[in-house]
């Protein structure tokens, strides 16, 4: 049974930093593309960043480019999101997502972690 457990969220002042972690188990992490999504109140869930299985290629939403960095540790089956220069508009629940390749592509989600940016 696949599990994705996010941690590292919290309350931070504008301009501050947080590092989110997503610890996974129950599927083959090393071959999976990993993504971070976020959903603010009253808004649709949006893709924030993704990283290929090898970690060589990453992509970011325009709103977070230059401020957020996605990374992964395939030895620990964990993906990270380093968030710097946080803004109030970054406030959202952040979700970890795994895309597992196969004859049928499978998607797994974490339960989310709240990030609140406020003075």
N, C-alpha and C. Protein backbone atom coordinates (compact mmCIF):
# COMPACT_ATOMS: atom_id res chain seq x y z
N UNK A 1 0.85 -1.19 0.00
CA UNK A 1 0.00 0.00 0.00
C UNK A 1 0.88 1.24 0.00
N UNK A 2 0.68 2.09 -1.00
CA UNK A 2 1.51 3.27 -1.11
C UNK A 2 1.16 4.29 -0.04
N UNK A 3 2.19 4.91 0.50
CA UNK A 3 2.01 6.00 1.46
C UNK A 3 2.93 7.15 1.12
N UNK A 4 2.39 8.36 1.20
CA UNK A 4 3.16 9.57 1.03
C UNK A 4 2.83 10.47 2.23
N UNK A 5 3.83 10.83 3.00
CA UNK A 5 3.61 11.61 4.21
C UNK A 5 4.40 12.91 4.14
N UNK A 6 3.67 14.01 4.03
CA UNK A 6 4.31 15.32 3.96
C UNK A 6 4.56 15.85 5.37
N UNK A 7 5.59 16.65 5.49
CA UNK A 7 5.90 17.32 6.75
C UNK A 7 6.66 18.60 6.45
N UNK A 8 6.78 19.46 7.47
CA UNK A 8 7.57 20.67 7.31
C UNK A 8 6.76 21.94 7.12
N UNK A 9 5.45 21.82 7.01
CA UNK A 9 4.64 23.01 6.87
C UNK A 9 4.55 23.78 8.17
N UNK A 10 3.94 24.97 8.09
CA UNK A 10 3.78 25.78 9.29
C UNK A 10 3.51 27.22 8.96
N UNK A 11 3.66 28.06 9.97
CA UNK A 11 3.45 29.50 9.84
C UNK A 11 4.81 30.19 9.71
N UNK A 12 4.93 31.04 8.71
CA UNK A 12 6.20 31.74 8.48
C UNK A 12 5.89 33.16 8.04
N UNK A 13 6.77 34.08 8.38
CA UNK A 13 6.60 35.46 7.97
C UNK A 13 6.99 35.64 6.50
N UNK A 14 6.43 36.65 5.85
CA UNK A 14 6.85 36.94 4.47
C UNK A 14 8.36 37.12 4.38
N UNK A 15 8.94 36.54 3.35
CA UNK A 15 10.39 36.58 3.19
C UNK A 15 11.10 35.41 3.82
N UNK A 16 10.38 34.63 4.59
CA UNK A 16 10.98 33.50 5.27
C UNK A 16 11.08 32.27 4.39
N UNK A 17 11.56 31.18 5.00
CA UNK A 17 11.78 29.92 4.28
C UNK A 17 11.18 28.75 5.03
N UNK A 18 10.81 27.75 4.26
CA UNK A 18 10.38 26.46 4.80
C UNK A 18 10.90 25.37 3.88
N UNK A 19 11.10 24.19 4.46
CA UNK A 19 11.48 23.03 3.66
C UNK A 19 10.46 21.93 3.91
N UNK A 20 9.75 21.56 2.86
CA UNK A 20 8.79 20.48 2.94
C UNK A 20 9.47 19.16 2.59
N UNK A 21 9.04 18.11 3.26
CA UNK A 21 9.52 16.77 2.96
C UNK A 21 8.32 15.87 2.67
N UNK A 22 8.54 14.89 1.82
CA UNK A 22 7.52 13.90 1.53
C UNK A 22 8.19 12.52 1.57
N UNK A 23 7.95 11.81 2.65
CA UNK A 23 8.51 10.46 2.81
C UNK A 23 7.54 9.45 2.21
N UNK A 24 8.07 8.55 1.38
CA UNK A 24 7.19 7.63 0.68
C UNK A 24 7.54 6.17 0.99
N UNK A 25 6.57 5.31 0.72
CA UNK A 25 6.77 3.87 0.85
C UNK A 25 5.68 3.17 0.07
N UNK A 26 5.91 1.88 -0.22
CA UNK A 26 4.88 1.07 -0.85
C UNK A 26 4.84 1.11 -2.37
N UNK A 27 5.79 1.80 -2.99
CA UNK A 27 5.88 1.77 -4.45
C UNK A 27 7.35 2.02 -4.80
N UNK A 28 7.66 1.83 -6.08
CA UNK A 28 9.06 1.96 -6.51
C UNK A 28 9.36 3.43 -6.75
N UNK A 29 9.90 4.08 -5.72
CA UNK A 29 10.17 5.52 -5.77
C UNK A 29 11.16 5.88 -6.86
N UNK A 30 12.18 5.07 -7.01
CA UNK A 30 13.31 5.44 -7.87
C UNK A 30 12.91 5.56 -9.33
N UNK A 31 11.80 4.97 -9.75
CA UNK A 31 11.37 5.08 -11.14
C UNK A 31 10.21 6.06 -11.32
N UNK A 32 9.81 6.70 -10.24
CA UNK A 32 8.63 7.56 -10.27
C UNK A 32 8.97 9.03 -10.41
N UNK A 33 8.18 9.72 -11.23
CA UNK A 33 8.22 11.18 -11.26
C UNK A 33 7.49 11.69 -10.02
N UNK A 34 8.05 12.71 -9.40
CA UNK A 34 7.44 13.26 -8.19
C UNK A 34 7.04 14.71 -8.42
N UNK A 35 5.92 15.09 -7.84
CA UNK A 35 5.42 16.45 -8.00
C UNK A 35 4.97 17.02 -6.66
N UNK A 36 5.02 18.33 -6.57
CA UNK A 36 4.39 19.09 -5.48
C UNK A 36 3.28 19.93 -6.10
N UNK A 37 2.11 19.83 -5.51
CA UNK A 37 0.96 20.66 -5.85
C UNK A 37 0.61 21.51 -4.63
N UNK A 38 -0.20 22.53 -4.87
CA UNK A 38 -0.75 23.29 -3.77
C UNK A 38 -2.17 23.71 -4.09
N UNK A 39 -2.93 23.92 -3.02
CA UNK A 39 -4.31 24.37 -3.20
C UNK A 39 -4.63 25.40 -2.12
N UNK A 40 -4.92 26.61 -2.58
CA UNK A 40 -5.31 27.68 -1.68
C UNK A 40 -6.83 27.67 -1.53
N UNK A 41 -7.35 28.24 -0.45
CA UNK A 41 -8.81 28.26 -0.24
C UNK A 41 -9.52 28.90 -1.42
N UNK A 42 -10.54 28.22 -1.93
CA UNK A 42 -11.34 28.75 -3.01
C UNK A 42 -10.69 28.68 -4.38
N UNK A 43 -9.53 28.04 -4.45
CA UNK A 43 -8.82 27.95 -5.74
C UNK A 43 -8.61 26.49 -6.13
N UNK A 44 -8.33 26.28 -7.41
CA UNK A 44 -8.04 24.94 -7.88
C UNK A 44 -6.63 24.52 -7.47
N UNK A 45 -6.45 23.22 -7.39
CA UNK A 45 -5.12 22.71 -7.10
C UNK A 45 -4.20 23.01 -8.27
N UNK A 46 -2.99 23.50 -7.97
CA UNK A 46 -2.06 23.85 -9.04
C UNK A 46 -0.73 23.12 -8.87
N UNK A 47 -0.12 22.79 -9.99
CA UNK A 47 1.19 22.16 -9.98
C UNK A 47 2.25 23.19 -9.65
N UNK A 48 3.07 22.90 -8.64
CA UNK A 48 4.11 23.82 -8.22
C UNK A 48 5.46 23.45 -8.84
N UNK A 49 5.80 22.16 -8.76
CA UNK A 49 7.10 21.73 -9.26
C UNK A 49 7.08 20.22 -9.48
N UNK A 50 7.92 19.76 -10.41
CA UNK A 50 8.07 18.33 -10.57
C UNK A 50 9.53 17.99 -10.83
N UNK A 51 9.84 16.70 -10.64
CA UNK A 51 11.21 16.23 -10.79
C UNK A 51 11.16 14.82 -11.35
N UNK A 52 12.02 14.56 -12.34
CA UNK A 52 12.05 13.24 -12.94
C UNK A 52 12.66 12.22 -11.99
N UNK A 53 12.55 10.95 -12.37
CA UNK A 53 13.00 9.87 -11.49
C UNK A 53 14.49 9.97 -11.14
N UNK A 54 15.28 10.43 -12.09
CA UNK A 54 16.73 10.55 -11.84
C UNK A 54 17.09 11.84 -11.13
N UNK A 55 16.16 12.79 -11.13
CA UNK A 55 16.44 14.08 -10.54
C UNK A 55 17.14 15.05 -11.47
N UNK A 56 17.38 14.63 -12.70
CA UNK A 56 18.12 15.46 -13.64
C UNK A 56 17.28 16.63 -14.13
N UNK A 57 15.99 16.39 -14.33
CA UNK A 57 15.13 17.43 -14.89
C UNK A 57 14.08 17.87 -13.88
N UNK A 58 13.92 19.19 -13.78
CA UNK A 58 12.90 19.77 -12.90
C UNK A 58 12.12 20.84 -13.66
N UNK A 59 10.90 21.08 -13.21
CA UNK A 59 10.07 22.14 -13.79
C UNK A 59 9.34 22.85 -12.67
N UNK A 60 9.07 24.14 -12.90
CA UNK A 60 8.44 24.95 -11.87
C UNK A 60 7.32 25.82 -12.47
N UNK A 61 6.33 26.09 -11.65
CA UNK A 61 5.34 27.08 -12.02
C UNK A 61 6.02 28.45 -12.07
N UNK A 62 5.55 29.30 -12.97
CA UNK A 62 6.17 30.62 -13.10
C UNK A 62 6.14 31.39 -11.78
N UNK A 63 5.10 31.16 -11.00
CA UNK A 63 4.92 31.91 -9.75
C UNK A 63 5.97 31.58 -8.69
N UNK A 64 6.68 30.45 -8.85
CA UNK A 64 7.65 30.06 -7.82
C UNK A 64 9.07 29.95 -8.36
N UNK A 65 9.26 30.16 -9.65
CA UNK A 65 10.61 30.06 -10.23
C UNK A 65 11.56 31.02 -9.55
N UNK A 66 12.74 30.49 -9.24
CA UNK A 66 13.76 31.30 -8.59
C UNK A 66 13.62 31.35 -7.08
N UNK A 67 12.50 30.86 -6.55
CA UNK A 67 12.29 30.88 -5.10
C UNK A 67 12.19 29.47 -4.50
N UNK A 68 11.62 28.55 -5.26
CA UNK A 68 11.41 27.18 -4.77
C UNK A 68 12.38 26.24 -5.50
N UNK A 69 12.79 25.20 -4.79
CA UNK A 69 13.65 24.17 -5.38
C UNK A 69 13.15 22.79 -4.97
N UNK A 70 12.89 21.96 -5.97
CA UNK A 70 12.48 20.58 -5.71
C UNK A 70 13.71 19.69 -5.82
N UNK A 71 13.79 18.71 -4.95
CA UNK A 71 14.90 17.77 -4.99
C UNK A 71 14.42 16.42 -4.46
N UNK A 72 15.25 15.40 -4.64
CA UNK A 72 14.87 14.08 -4.16
C UNK A 72 16.10 13.32 -3.69
N UNK A 73 15.85 12.40 -2.78
CA UNK A 73 16.89 11.49 -2.29
C UNK A 73 16.38 10.08 -2.54
N UNK A 74 16.87 9.46 -3.59
CA UNK A 74 16.37 8.14 -3.95
C UNK A 74 16.81 7.06 -2.97
N UNK A 75 17.80 7.34 -2.15
CA UNK A 75 18.21 6.40 -1.12
C UNK A 75 17.24 6.41 0.06
N UNK A 76 16.53 7.53 0.21
CA UNK A 76 15.59 7.68 1.33
C UNK A 76 14.14 7.68 0.89
N UNK A 77 13.91 7.51 -0.43
CA UNK A 77 12.53 7.53 -0.96
C UNK A 77 11.78 8.78 -0.53
N UNK A 78 12.47 9.90 -0.62
CA UNK A 78 11.92 11.17 -0.12
C UNK A 78 12.12 12.26 -1.15
N UNK A 79 11.13 13.12 -1.27
CA UNK A 79 11.22 14.29 -2.13
C UNK A 79 11.04 15.53 -1.25
N UNK A 80 11.71 16.61 -1.66
CA UNK A 80 11.73 17.83 -0.85
C UNK A 80 11.28 19.03 -1.69
N UNK A 81 10.82 20.04 -0.99
CA UNK A 81 10.54 21.32 -1.63
C UNK A 81 11.08 22.41 -0.72
N UNK A 82 12.19 23.03 -1.15
CA UNK A 82 12.76 24.15 -0.42
C UNK A 82 12.09 25.42 -0.91
N UNK A 83 11.49 26.15 0.00
CA UNK A 83 10.74 27.35 -0.35
C UNK A 83 11.39 28.56 0.32
N UNK A 84 11.89 29.46 -0.48
CA UNK A 84 12.53 30.68 0.02
C UNK A 84 11.74 31.91 -0.42
N UNK A 85 12.02 33.02 0.21
CA UNK A 85 11.37 34.29 -0.13
C UNK A 85 9.85 34.12 -0.22
N UNK A 86 9.30 33.51 0.80
CA UNK A 86 7.88 33.19 0.78
C UNK A 86 7.03 34.44 0.80
N UNK A 87 5.89 34.35 0.10
CA UNK A 87 4.94 35.46 -0.02
C UNK A 87 3.59 35.01 0.54
N UNK A 88 2.76 35.96 0.93
CA UNK A 88 1.42 35.58 1.43
C UNK A 88 0.64 34.75 0.42
N UNK A 89 0.87 35.00 -0.86
CA UNK A 89 0.14 34.24 -1.89
C UNK A 89 0.62 32.80 -2.02
N UNK A 90 1.67 32.43 -1.31
CA UNK A 90 2.12 31.04 -1.26
C UNK A 90 1.33 30.23 -0.24
N UNK A 91 0.50 30.90 0.52
CA UNK A 91 -0.32 30.21 1.52
C UNK A 91 -1.25 29.20 0.85
N UNK A 92 -1.15 27.95 1.29
CA UNK A 92 -1.93 26.87 0.68
C UNK A 92 -1.65 25.58 1.42
N UNK A 93 -2.43 24.56 1.10
CA UNK A 93 -2.08 23.20 1.49
C UNK A 93 -1.23 22.63 0.38
N UNK A 94 -0.08 22.10 0.73
CA UNK A 94 0.86 21.54 -0.23
C UNK A 94 0.77 20.02 -0.21
N UNK A 95 0.66 19.45 -1.40
CA UNK A 95 0.48 18.02 -1.56
C UNK A 95 1.63 17.41 -2.37
N UNK A 96 2.05 16.26 -1.95
CA UNK A 96 3.03 15.47 -2.65
C UNK A 96 2.30 14.47 -3.56
N UNK A 97 2.82 14.28 -4.75
CA UNK A 97 2.19 13.39 -5.73
C UNK A 97 3.25 12.52 -6.39
N UNK A 98 2.93 11.25 -6.55
CA UNK A 98 3.84 10.32 -7.24
C UNK A 98 3.16 9.81 -8.51
N UNK A 99 3.93 9.78 -9.59
CA UNK A 99 3.46 9.20 -10.84
C UNK A 99 4.30 7.95 -11.10
N UNK A 100 3.67 6.81 -10.95
CA UNK A 100 4.38 5.54 -11.03
C UNK A 100 4.16 4.93 -12.41
N UNK A 101 5.24 4.72 -13.16
CA UNK A 101 5.09 4.17 -14.51
C UNK A 101 4.69 2.69 -14.47
N UNK A 102 4.12 2.26 -15.59
CA UNK A 102 3.72 0.87 -15.72
C UNK A 102 2.79 0.73 -16.90
N UNK A 103 2.20 -0.45 -17.08
CA UNK A 103 1.24 -0.64 -18.18
C UNK A 103 0.07 0.34 -18.01
N UNK A 104 -0.25 0.63 -16.78
CA UNK A 104 -1.20 1.69 -16.44
C UNK A 104 -0.51 2.62 -15.47
N UNK A 105 -0.42 3.89 -15.85
CA UNK A 105 0.23 4.85 -14.96
C UNK A 105 -0.62 5.01 -13.69
N UNK A 106 0.04 5.02 -12.54
CA UNK A 106 -0.66 5.11 -11.26
C UNK A 106 -0.24 6.38 -10.54
N UNK A 107 -1.22 7.03 -9.92
CA UNK A 107 -0.98 8.27 -9.20
C UNK A 107 -1.28 8.08 -7.73
N UNK A 108 -0.36 8.54 -6.88
CA UNK A 108 -0.57 8.51 -5.44
C UNK A 108 -0.44 9.92 -4.87
N UNK A 109 -1.19 10.16 -3.79
CA UNK A 109 -1.20 11.48 -3.17
C UNK A 109 -0.94 11.38 -1.67
N UNK A 110 -0.31 12.41 -1.15
CA UNK A 110 -0.20 12.54 0.29
C UNK A 110 -1.41 13.26 0.85
N UNK A 111 -1.42 13.44 2.18
CA UNK A 111 -2.57 14.05 2.83
C UNK A 111 -2.48 15.57 2.87
N UNK A 112 -1.31 16.10 2.56
CA UNK A 112 -1.12 17.55 2.51
C UNK A 112 -0.56 18.12 3.79
N UNK A 113 0.13 19.25 3.65
CA UNK A 113 0.65 19.99 4.81
C UNK A 113 0.37 21.47 4.59
N UNK A 114 -0.08 22.13 5.64
CA UNK A 114 -0.48 23.53 5.54
C UNK A 114 0.73 24.44 5.62
N UNK A 115 0.81 25.37 4.68
CA UNK A 115 1.81 26.43 4.71
C UNK A 115 1.07 27.76 4.77
N UNK A 116 1.36 28.54 5.79
CA UNK A 116 0.74 29.85 5.96
C UNK A 116 1.82 30.91 6.05
N UNK A 117 1.74 31.88 5.13
CA UNK A 117 2.72 32.98 5.11
C UNK A 117 1.99 34.25 5.53
N UNK A 118 2.33 34.73 6.71
CA UNK A 118 1.63 35.88 7.26
C UNK A 118 2.50 36.59 8.27
N UNK A 119 2.33 37.92 8.32
CA UNK A 119 3.04 38.70 9.34
C UNK A 119 2.30 38.67 10.66
